[in-house]
Amino acid sequence: MDIALKHKIAEKIIESNDEDLLNEIKSLVGLSDKDFWGDLPSEVKQAISQAKDELDRGEGIPHAQVISEMKNRFLNK
């Protein structure tokens, strides 16, 4: 990446007062110590918990099978 572009990005970050933007950048570069779980809607948490329970019961689909099906469906037209 061009060093001038890096400087432009850094300059925009330094000049920004947009807290949401700065928090997104913080998270993007791995500086966020905040756990996202608390920010998820309860419906999403329930769906994740249900999916984990299904996997624990052996009801999941192996990753390799999903990848194969998606490649066949979307890449082999």
Protein backbone atom coordinates (compact mmCIF):
# COMPACT_ATOMS: atom_id res chain seq x y z
CA MET A 1 0.00 0.00 0.00
CA ASP A 2 1.15 3.48 -0.83
CA ILE A 3 2.65 5.37 2.15
CA ALA A 4 0.83 8.55 1.09
CA LEU A 5 -2.49 6.73 1.32
CA LYS A 6 -1.61 5.50 4.79
CA HIS A 7 -0.86 9.07 5.83
CA LYS A 8 -4.18 10.28 4.39
CA ILE A 9 -6.05 7.58 6.30
CA ALA A 10 -4.21 8.42 9.53
CA GLU A 11 -4.92 12.12 9.01
CA LYS A 12 -8.65 11.49 8.54
CA ILE A 13 -8.70 9.36 11.69
CA ILE A 14 -6.89 12.04 13.71
CA GLU A 15 -9.26 14.75 12.46
CA SER A 16 -12.41 12.72 13.05
CA ASN A 17 -14.75 13.35 15.97
CA ASP A 18 -17.16 10.62 14.87
CA GLU A 19 -17.16 8.25 17.83
CA ASP A 20 -18.94 5.47 15.93
CA LEU A 21 -16.39 5.61 13.14
CA LEU A 22 -13.48 5.60 15.58
CA ASN A 23 -14.95 2.64 17.46
CA GLU A 24 -15.35 0.74 14.18
CA ILE A 25 -11.74 1.46 13.26
CA LYS A 26 -10.63 0.44 16.74
CA SER A 27 -12.45 -2.86 16.35
CA LEU A 28 -11.19 -3.35 12.79
CA VAL A 29 -7.53 -3.01 13.79
CA GLY A 30 -7.94 -5.29 16.81
CA LEU A 31 -7.75 -2.71 19.58
CA SER A 32 -11.25 -3.24 20.89
CA ASP A 33 -11.50 -5.01 24.21
CA LYS A 34 -15.29 -4.93 24.04
CA ASP A 35 -17.16 -8.21 23.67
CA PHE A 36 -19.71 -7.97 20.86
CA TRP A 37 -22.05 -10.55 22.44
CA GLY A 38 -23.72 -7.95 24.65
CA ASP A 39 -24.55 -5.83 21.59
CA LEU A 40 -26.37 -8.60 19.75
CA PRO A 41 -30.18 -8.63 19.69
CA SER A 42 -31.76 -11.35 21.81
CA GLU A 43 -33.13 -13.09 18.69
CA VAL A 44 -29.60 -13.44 17.30
CA LYS A 45 -28.29 -14.76 20.64
CA GLN A 46 -31.10 -17.32 20.72
CA ALA A 47 -30.41 -18.42 17.14
CA ILE A 48 -26.70 -18.85 17.90
CA SER A 49 -27.46 -20.83 21.04
CA GLN A 50 -29.89 -23.03 19.14
CA ALA A 51 -27.32 -23.64 16.40
CA LYS A 52 -24.68 -24.57 18.98
CA ASP A 53 -27.10 -27.00 20.62
CA GLU A 54 -27.85 -28.58 17.24
CA LEU A 55 -24.13 -28.99 16.54
CA ASP A 56 -23.64 -30.58 19.96
CA ARG A 57 -26.32 -33.12 19.01
CA GLY A 58 -24.52 -33.86 15.73
CA GLU A 59 -27.20 -32.22 13.60
CA GLY A 60 -24.88 -29.86 11.74
CA ILE A 61 -23.62 -30.03 8.18
CA PRO A 62 -19.84 -30.46 7.79
CA HIS A 63 -18.04 -27.37 6.52
CA ALA A 64 -16.56 -29.20 3.54
CA GLN A 65 -20.03 -30.26 2.43
CA VAL A 66 -21.39 -26.70 2.66
CA ILE A 67 -18.43 -25.34 0.69
CA SER A 68 -18.87 -28.01 -1.97
CA GLU A 69 -22.59 -27.32 -2.29
CA MET A 70 -22.04 -23.55 -2.54
CA LYS A 71 -19.33 -23.96 -5.18
CA ASN A 72 -21.59 -26.23 -7.21
CA ARG A 73 -24.54 -23.91 -6.82
CA PHE A 74 -22.86 -20.58 -7.53
CA LEU A 75 -19.67 -21.28 -9.44
CA ASN A 76 -20.67 -24.09 -11.80
CA LYS A 77 -23.27 -22.33 -13.91
